[in-house]
Amino acid sequence: MSETLTVGDVVAERTVHLTRESLVRYAGASGDFNPIHYRDDVAAAVGLPGVLAHGMLTMGLAVETIVPWLGDAGRIVEYGVRFTRPVVVDAETGAEVTVVAKVGAIDDGNARIDLTVSHGDTTVLGKAQVRVRLA
């Protein structure tokens, strides 16, 4: 982790490819077997645009983006998001989730890292902010 940070610096970014298999694996790990996460017919029956990635999976992928930069996940002090739009995972092509992490503020040995999390041209997590201990 760089010791000289400036507000606006991009500290990490990545794109994660999700597949239906990713969703089934996450369901097994989390215990969230809601069929909207793996069955098109159920998703359509409740008015969804398709099978959705788990919100907590999206949230976890987003924050994990900064861990290599931090060097230690224990430096994460606080993390919060708003779920604003779903990530629809196509049966054949999957879905790409892009995360860009920028320094939003620096104060008293901590930094606020603002995460921009998008699927295509749509931001899927709002107010995604991570407070981290710098040293």
N, C-alpha and C. Protein backbone atom coordinates (compact mmCIF):
# COMPACT_ATOMS: atom_id res chain seq x y z
N MET A 1 0.85 -1.19 0.00
CA MET A 1 0.00 0.00 0.00
C MET A 1 0.89 1.24 0.00
N SER A 2 0.57 2.15 -0.88
CA SER A 2 1.34 3.38 -0.99
C SER A 2 1.11 4.26 0.24
N GLU A 3 2.19 4.83 0.75
CA GLU A 3 2.09 5.70 1.92
C GLU A 3 1.70 7.12 1.55
N THR A 4 1.85 7.51 0.30
CA THR A 4 1.48 8.85 -0.12
C THR A 4 0.23 8.75 -1.00
N LEU A 5 -0.88 9.07 -0.40
CA LEU A 5 -2.16 9.01 -1.09
C LEU A 5 -2.72 10.40 -1.28
N THR A 6 -3.43 10.56 -2.36
CA THR A 6 -4.12 11.81 -2.65
C THR A 6 -5.57 11.48 -2.96
N VAL A 7 -6.47 12.32 -2.51
CA VAL A 7 -7.87 12.14 -2.84
C VAL A 7 -8.00 12.08 -4.37
N GLY A 8 -8.72 11.07 -4.84
CA GLY A 8 -8.90 10.87 -6.28
C GLY A 8 -8.01 9.79 -6.85
N ASP A 9 -6.96 9.37 -6.12
CA ASP A 9 -6.09 8.29 -6.61
C ASP A 9 -6.88 7.00 -6.77
N VAL A 10 -6.67 6.32 -7.89
CA VAL A 10 -7.21 4.97 -8.07
C VAL A 10 -6.22 4.01 -7.43
N VAL A 11 -6.68 3.24 -6.44
CA VAL A 11 -5.78 2.33 -5.73
C VAL A 11 -5.94 0.89 -6.19
N ALA A 12 -7.03 0.57 -6.84
CA ALA A 12 -7.25 -0.80 -7.34
C ALA A 12 -8.40 -0.78 -8.33
N GLU A 13 -8.35 -1.73 -9.26
CA GLU A 13 -9.49 -1.93 -10.16
C GLU A 13 -9.39 -3.32 -10.75
N ARG A 14 -10.56 -3.86 -11.07
CA ARG A 14 -10.60 -5.17 -11.70
C ARG A 14 -11.99 -5.43 -12.27
N THR A 15 -12.05 -6.42 -13.14
CA THR A 15 -13.31 -6.89 -13.67
C THR A 15 -13.42 -8.37 -13.34
N VAL A 16 -14.57 -8.75 -12.81
CA VAL A 16 -14.84 -10.15 -12.43
C VAL A 16 -15.92 -10.69 -13.36
N HIS A 17 -15.66 -11.86 -13.92
CA HIS A 17 -16.65 -12.52 -14.77
C HIS A 17 -17.45 -13.50 -13.91
N LEU A 18 -18.75 -13.28 -13.83
CA LEU A 18 -19.64 -14.18 -13.09
C LEU A 18 -20.35 -15.10 -14.08
N THR A 19 -20.52 -16.34 -13.69
CA THR A 19 -21.29 -17.31 -14.47
C THR A 19 -22.38 -17.88 -13.58
N ARG A 20 -23.27 -18.63 -14.18
CA ARG A 20 -24.30 -19.30 -13.37
C ARG A 20 -23.63 -20.26 -12.38
N GLU A 21 -22.53 -20.88 -12.80
CA GLU A 21 -21.80 -21.75 -11.88
C GLU A 21 -21.29 -20.96 -10.68
N SER A 22 -20.82 -19.74 -10.90
CA SER A 22 -20.37 -18.87 -9.80
C SER A 22 -21.50 -18.69 -8.78
N LEU A 23 -22.73 -18.49 -9.29
CA LEU A 23 -23.88 -18.26 -8.42
C LEU A 23 -24.21 -19.52 -7.61
N VAL A 24 -24.14 -20.69 -8.25
CA VAL A 24 -24.44 -21.94 -7.55
C VAL A 24 -23.39 -22.19 -6.48
N ARG A 25 -22.13 -21.93 -6.81
CA ARG A 25 -21.06 -22.11 -5.81
C ARG A 25 -21.27 -21.16 -4.62
N TYR A 26 -21.61 -19.91 -4.92
CA TYR A 26 -21.85 -18.95 -3.84
C TYR A 26 -23.05 -19.39 -3.00
N ALA A 27 -24.09 -19.88 -3.64
CA ALA A 27 -25.26 -20.35 -2.90
C ALA A 27 -24.86 -21.45 -1.93
N GLY A 28 -24.02 -22.37 -2.38
CA GLY A 28 -23.57 -23.45 -1.51
C GLY A 28 -22.75 -22.93 -0.34
N ALA A 29 -21.91 -21.95 -0.58
CA ALA A 29 -21.06 -21.40 0.48
C ALA A 29 -21.87 -20.55 1.47
N SER A 30 -22.87 -19.83 0.95
CA SER A 30 -23.61 -18.88 1.80
C SER A 30 -24.88 -19.48 2.40
N GLY A 31 -25.39 -20.53 1.75
CA GLY A 31 -26.67 -21.09 2.19
C GLY A 31 -27.87 -20.37 1.62
N ASP A 32 -27.65 -19.42 0.70
CA ASP A 32 -28.74 -18.66 0.08
C ASP A 32 -29.14 -19.36 -1.22
N PHE A 33 -30.13 -20.24 -1.11
CA PHE A 33 -30.58 -21.01 -2.26
C PHE A 33 -31.87 -20.47 -2.87
N ASN A 34 -32.10 -19.17 -2.75
CA ASN A 34 -33.26 -18.57 -3.38
C ASN A 34 -33.17 -18.84 -4.88
N PRO A 35 -34.19 -19.43 -5.49
CA PRO A 35 -34.11 -19.82 -6.91
C PRO A 35 -34.00 -18.65 -7.89
N ILE A 36 -34.19 -17.41 -7.46
CA ILE A 36 -33.97 -16.29 -8.38
C ILE A 36 -32.51 -16.18 -8.78
N HIS A 37 -31.65 -16.89 -8.05
CA HIS A 37 -30.22 -16.85 -8.32
C HIS A 37 -29.75 -17.97 -9.25
N TYR A 38 -30.68 -18.84 -9.69
CA TYR A 38 -30.25 -19.90 -10.61
C TYR A 38 -31.33 -20.42 -11.55
N ARG A 39 -32.58 -19.97 -11.40
CA ARG A 39 -33.66 -20.45 -12.27
C ARG A 39 -34.33 -19.30 -13.00
N ASP A 40 -34.25 -19.34 -14.34
CA ASP A 40 -34.87 -18.31 -15.16
C ASP A 40 -36.38 -18.23 -14.97
N ASP A 41 -37.04 -19.38 -14.87
CA ASP A 41 -38.50 -19.39 -14.76
C ASP A 41 -38.97 -18.72 -13.47
N VAL A 42 -38.27 -18.96 -12.38
CA VAL A 42 -38.64 -18.34 -11.10
C VAL A 42 -38.38 -16.84 -11.15
N ALA A 43 -37.22 -16.45 -11.70
CA ALA A 43 -36.90 -15.02 -11.81
C ALA A 43 -37.97 -14.30 -12.63
N ALA A 44 -38.37 -14.89 -13.76
CA ALA A 44 -39.39 -14.29 -14.62
C ALA A 44 -40.74 -14.22 -13.90
N ALA A 45 -41.08 -15.27 -13.15
CA ALA A 45 -42.38 -15.33 -12.46
C ALA A 45 -42.53 -14.22 -11.42
N VAL A 46 -41.42 -13.76 -10.85
CA VAL A 46 -41.51 -12.68 -9.86
C VAL A 46 -41.16 -11.32 -10.46
N GLY A 47 -41.09 -11.26 -11.80
CA GLY A 47 -40.92 -9.98 -12.48
C GLY A 47 -39.50 -9.48 -12.62
N LEU A 48 -38.53 -10.34 -12.44
CA LEU A 48 -37.13 -9.93 -12.58
C LEU A 48 -36.68 -10.04 -14.03
N PRO A 49 -35.67 -9.27 -14.41
CA PRO A 49 -35.19 -9.31 -15.80
C PRO A 49 -34.38 -10.56 -16.14
N GLY A 50 -34.11 -11.38 -15.16
CA GLY A 50 -33.34 -12.61 -15.36
C GLY A 50 -32.79 -13.09 -14.04
N VAL A 51 -31.97 -14.12 -14.09
CA VAL A 51 -31.32 -14.64 -12.89
C VAL A 51 -30.35 -13.58 -12.37
N LEU A 52 -30.40 -13.33 -11.06
CA LEU A 52 -29.59 -12.27 -10.46
C LEU A 52 -28.46 -12.84 -9.62
N ALA A 53 -27.32 -12.16 -9.67
CA ALA A 53 -26.23 -12.46 -8.74
C ALA A 53 -26.70 -12.08 -7.34
N HIS A 54 -26.25 -12.81 -6.35
CA HIS A 54 -26.55 -12.48 -4.96
C HIS A 54 -25.97 -11.10 -4.64
N GLY A 55 -26.73 -10.28 -3.96
CA GLY A 55 -26.23 -8.97 -3.57
C GLY A 55 -24.98 -9.05 -2.72
N MET A 56 -24.97 -10.00 -1.78
CA MET A 56 -23.81 -10.13 -0.91
C MET A 56 -22.58 -10.64 -1.67
N LEU A 57 -22.78 -11.41 -2.72
CA LEU A 57 -21.66 -11.82 -3.57
C LEU A 57 -21.07 -10.60 -4.25
N THR A 58 -21.90 -9.77 -4.81
CA THR A 58 -21.44 -8.55 -5.47
C THR A 58 -20.71 -7.65 -4.47
N MET A 59 -21.26 -7.52 -3.28
CA MET A 59 -20.65 -6.69 -2.25
C MET A 59 -19.28 -7.25 -1.85
N GLY A 60 -19.19 -8.56 -1.70
CA GLY A 60 -17.93 -9.19 -1.33
C GLY A 60 -16.86 -9.06 -2.41
N LEU A 61 -17.27 -9.27 -3.67
CA LEU A 61 -16.32 -9.11 -4.78
C LEU A 61 -15.78 -7.68 -4.84
N ALA A 62 -16.66 -6.74 -4.56
CA ALA A 62 -16.26 -5.33 -4.62
C ALA A 62 -15.19 -5.01 -3.59
N VAL A 63 -15.41 -5.37 -2.35
CA VAL A 63 -14.45 -5.01 -1.30
C VAL A 63 -13.16 -5.81 -1.44
N GLU A 64 -13.25 -7.03 -1.93
CA GLU A 64 -12.05 -7.85 -2.08
C GLU A 64 -11.07 -7.24 -3.07
N THR A 65 -11.56 -6.38 -3.93
CA THR A 65 -10.72 -5.71 -4.92
C THR A 65 -9.58 -4.93 -4.27
N ILE A 66 -9.81 -4.35 -3.08
CA ILE A 66 -8.77 -3.53 -2.45
C ILE A 66 -7.82 -4.32 -1.56
N VAL A 67 -8.10 -5.58 -1.29
CA VAL A 67 -7.27 -6.35 -0.35
C VAL A 67 -5.82 -6.47 -0.82
N PRO A 68 -5.53 -6.77 -2.10
CA PRO A 68 -4.11 -6.82 -2.50
C PRO A 68 -3.39 -5.48 -2.27
N TRP A 69 -4.08 -4.38 -2.52
CA TRP A 69 -3.49 -3.06 -2.27
C TRP A 69 -3.25 -2.84 -0.78
N LEU A 70 -4.21 -3.23 0.04
CA LEU A 70 -4.07 -3.07 1.49
C LEU A 70 -2.97 -3.96 2.06
N GLY A 71 -2.88 -5.18 1.52
CA GLY A 71 -1.92 -6.14 2.04
C GLY A 71 -2.43 -6.91 3.23
N ASP A 72 -3.52 -6.44 3.83
CA ASP A 72 -4.08 -7.08 5.03
C ASP A 72 -5.54 -6.66 5.16
N ALA A 73 -6.46 -7.62 5.00
CA ALA A 73 -7.88 -7.32 5.11
C ALA A 73 -8.24 -6.81 6.51
N GLY A 74 -7.40 -7.07 7.50
CA GLY A 74 -7.63 -6.58 8.85
C GLY A 74 -7.55 -5.06 8.96
N ARG A 75 -7.07 -4.39 7.92
CA ARG A 75 -7.04 -2.92 7.92
C ARG A 75 -8.40 -2.31 7.59
N ILE A 76 -9.33 -3.14 7.16
CA ILE A 76 -10.68 -2.65 6.86
C ILE A 76 -11.39 -2.40 8.19
N VAL A 77 -11.81 -1.17 8.38
CA VAL A 77 -12.46 -0.76 9.62
C VAL A 77 -13.98 -0.79 9.49
N GLU A 78 -14.47 -0.39 8.31
CA GLU A 78 -15.91 -0.29 8.10
C GLU A 78 -16.19 -0.41 6.60
N TYR A 79 -17.34 -1.00 6.28
CA TYR A 79 -17.71 -1.15 4.87
C TYR A 79 -19.22 -1.11 4.76
N GLY A 80 -19.72 -0.36 3.80
CA GLY A 80 -21.16 -0.31 3.59
C GLY A 80 -21.49 0.01 2.14
N VAL A 81 -22.64 -0.45 1.69
CA VAL A 81 -23.12 -0.18 0.33
C VAL A 81 -24.63 -0.02 0.36
N ARG A 82 -25.16 0.47 -0.74
CA ARG A 82 -26.59 0.41 -1.02
C ARG A 82 -26.74 -0.43 -2.28
N PHE A 83 -27.67 -1.36 -2.25
CA PHE A 83 -27.93 -2.18 -3.42
C PHE A 83 -28.88 -1.39 -4.32
N THR A 84 -28.39 -0.92 -5.45
CA THR A 84 -29.19 -0.02 -6.29
C THR A 84 -29.75 -0.68 -7.54
N ARG A 85 -29.00 -1.58 -8.17
CA ARG A 85 -29.43 -2.27 -9.38
C ARG A 85 -28.93 -3.71 -9.33
N PRO A 86 -29.67 -4.63 -9.94
CA PRO A 86 -29.24 -6.03 -9.93
C PRO A 86 -28.17 -6.31 -10.99
N VAL A 87 -27.42 -7.37 -10.76
CA VAL A 87 -26.50 -7.91 -11.77
C VAL A 87 -27.19 -9.13 -12.36
N VAL A 88 -27.64 -9.01 -13.61
CA VAL A 88 -28.29 -10.11 -14.30
C VAL A 88 -27.20 -10.98 -14.93
N VAL A 89 -27.24 -12.28 -14.60
CA VAL A 89 -26.22 -13.21 -15.09
C VAL A 89 -26.84 -14.11 -16.16
N ASP A 90 -26.45 -13.85 -17.40
CA ASP A 90 -26.98 -14.60 -18.54
C ASP A 90 -26.48 -16.04 -18.49
N ALA A 91 -27.35 -16.98 -18.88
CA ALA A 91 -27.01 -18.40 -18.84
C ALA A 91 -25.81 -18.73 -19.73
N GLU A 92 -25.67 -18.05 -20.84
CA GLU A 92 -24.59 -18.36 -21.78
C GLU A 92 -23.37 -17.44 -21.63
N THR A 93 -23.62 -16.15 -21.52
CA THR A 93 -22.50 -15.20 -21.52
C THR A 93 -22.07 -14.74 -20.13
N GLY A 94 -22.87 -15.03 -19.11
CA GLY A 94 -22.52 -14.60 -17.75
C GLY A 94 -22.70 -13.11 -17.59
N ALA A 95 -21.86 -12.52 -16.76
CA ALA A 95 -21.93 -11.08 -16.48
C ALA A 95 -20.56 -10.59 -16.03
N GLU A 96 -20.23 -9.38 -16.44
CA GLU A 96 -18.98 -8.74 -16.02
C GLU A 96 -19.32 -7.68 -14.97
N VAL A 97 -18.62 -7.74 -13.85
CA VAL A 97 -18.76 -6.73 -12.80
C VAL A 97 -17.41 -6.03 -12.69
N THR A 98 -17.43 -4.71 -12.87
CA THR A 98 -16.20 -3.91 -12.81
C THR A 98 -16.18 -3.09 -11.54
N VAL A 99 -15.03 -3.09 -10.90
CA VAL A 99 -14.85 -2.34 -9.65
C VAL A 99 -13.65 -1.40 -9.81
N VAL A 100 -13.87 -0.13 -9.48
CA VAL A 100 -12.80 0.86 -9.44
C VAL A 100 -12.80 1.45 -8.04
N ALA A 101 -11.63 1.41 -7.39
CA ALA A 101 -11.49 1.89 -6.02
C ALA A 101 -10.64 3.16 -6.01
N LYS A 102 -11.24 4.25 -5.53
CA LYS A 102 -10.56 5.54 -5.49
C LYS A 102 -10.54 6.08 -4.06
N VAL A 103 -9.51 6.81 -3.74
CA VAL A 103 -9.43 7.48 -2.45
C VAL A 103 -10.45 8.61 -2.43
N GLY A 104 -11.37 8.55 -1.46
CA GLY A 104 -12.40 9.57 -1.34
C GLY A 104 -12.10 10.61 -0.30
N ALA A 105 -11.36 10.21 0.75
CA ALA A 105 -11.01 11.13 1.83
C ALA A 105 -9.88 10.50 2.63
N ILE A 106 -9.09 11.37 3.28
CA ILE A 106 -8.01 10.92 4.16
C ILE A 106 -8.11 11.72 5.44
N ASP A 107 -8.10 11.02 6.59
CA ASP A 107 -8.14 11.72 7.88
C ASP A 107 -7.65 10.82 9.01
N ASP A 108 -6.84 11.38 9.89
CA ASP A 108 -6.39 10.73 11.12
C ASP A 108 -5.92 9.29 10.93
N GLY A 109 -5.07 9.05 9.94
CA GLY A 109 -4.53 7.71 9.74
C GLY A 109 -5.47 6.73 9.06
N ASN A 110 -6.61 7.23 8.62
CA ASN A 110 -7.56 6.40 7.90
C ASN A 110 -7.82 7.00 6.52
N ALA A 111 -8.35 6.17 5.64
CA ALA A 111 -8.78 6.66 4.34
C ALA A 111 -10.15 6.08 4.05
N ARG A 112 -10.95 6.86 3.34
CA ARG A 112 -12.21 6.35 2.81
C ARG A 112 -11.97 6.01 1.35
N ILE A 113 -12.21 4.77 1.01
CA ILE A 113 -12.06 4.32 -0.36
C ILE A 113 -13.47 4.19 -0.94
N ASP A 114 -13.70 4.89 -2.03
CA ASP A 114 -14.99 4.86 -2.71
C ASP A 114 -14.92 3.85 -3.85
N LEU A 115 -15.85 2.90 -3.84
CA LEU A 115 -15.89 1.87 -4.86
C LEU A 115 -16.97 2.19 -5.88
N THR A 116 -16.61 2.19 -7.14
CA THR A 116 -17.59 2.29 -8.21
C THR A 116 -17.74 0.88 -8.76
N VAL A 117 -18.94 0.32 -8.60
CA VAL A 117 -19.19 -1.07 -8.97
C VAL A 117 -20.26 -1.06 -10.05
N SER A 118 -19.89 -1.57 -11.23
CA SER A 118 -20.81 -1.49 -12.36
C SER A 118 -20.90 -2.80 -13.13
N HIS A 119 -22.03 -2.93 -13.78
CA HIS A 119 -22.32 -4.04 -14.69
C HIS A 119 -22.76 -3.38 -15.99
N GLY A 120 -21.90 -3.47 -17.01
CA GLY A 120 -22.18 -2.71 -18.22
C GLY A 120 -22.07 -1.24 -17.91
N ASP A 121 -23.07 -0.47 -18.31
CA ASP A 121 -23.08 0.97 -18.05
C ASP A 121 -23.86 1.33 -16.79
N THR A 122 -24.22 0.32 -15.99
CA THR A 122 -25.07 0.54 -14.83
C THR A 122 -24.29 0.38 -13.53
N THR A 123 -24.39 1.37 -12.66
CA THR A 123 -23.81 1.25 -11.32
C THR A 123 -24.74 0.37 -10.49
N VAL A 124 -24.18 -0.70 -9.91
CA VAL A 124 -25.03 -1.66 -9.21
C VAL A 124 -24.97 -1.54 -7.69
N LEU A 125 -23.94 -0.88 -7.18
CA LEU A 125 -23.87 -0.61 -5.74
C LEU A 125 -23.71 0.89 -5.57
N GLY A 126 -24.55 1.47 -4.75
CA GLY A 126 -24.46 2.89 -4.48
C GLY A 126 -23.78 3.13 -3.14
N LYS A 127 -23.16 4.27 -3.00
CA LYS A 127 -22.52 4.68 -1.76
C LYS A 127 -21.65 3.55 -1.19
N ALA A 128 -20.93 2.88 -2.08
CA ALA A 128 -20.03 1.80 -1.67
C ALA A 128 -18.74 2.42 -1.14
N GLN A 129 -18.56 2.38 0.17
CA GLN A 129 -17.44 3.04 0.81
C GLN A 129 -16.79 2.11 1.83
N VAL A 130 -15.45 2.13 1.81
CA VAL A 130 -14.67 1.31 2.74
C VAL A 130 -13.76 2.23 3.52
N ARG A 131 -13.84 2.17 4.83
CA ARG A 131 -12.90 2.94 5.66
C ARG A 131 -11.78 1.99 6.03
N VAL A 132 -10.54 2.41 5.75
CA VAL A 132 -9.37 1.57 6.02
C VAL A 132 -8.35 2.31 6.89
N ARG A 133 -7.65 1.52 7.70
CA ARG A 133 -6.56 2.03 8.52
C ARG A 133 -5.32 2.05 7.63
N LEU A 134 -4.61 3.17 7.58
CA LEU A 134 -3.49 3.31 6.67
C LEU A 134 -2.20 2.71 7.20
N ALA A 135 -1.93 2.76 8.46
CA ALA A 135 -0.63 2.26 8.96
C ALA A 135 -0.81 1.32 10.14
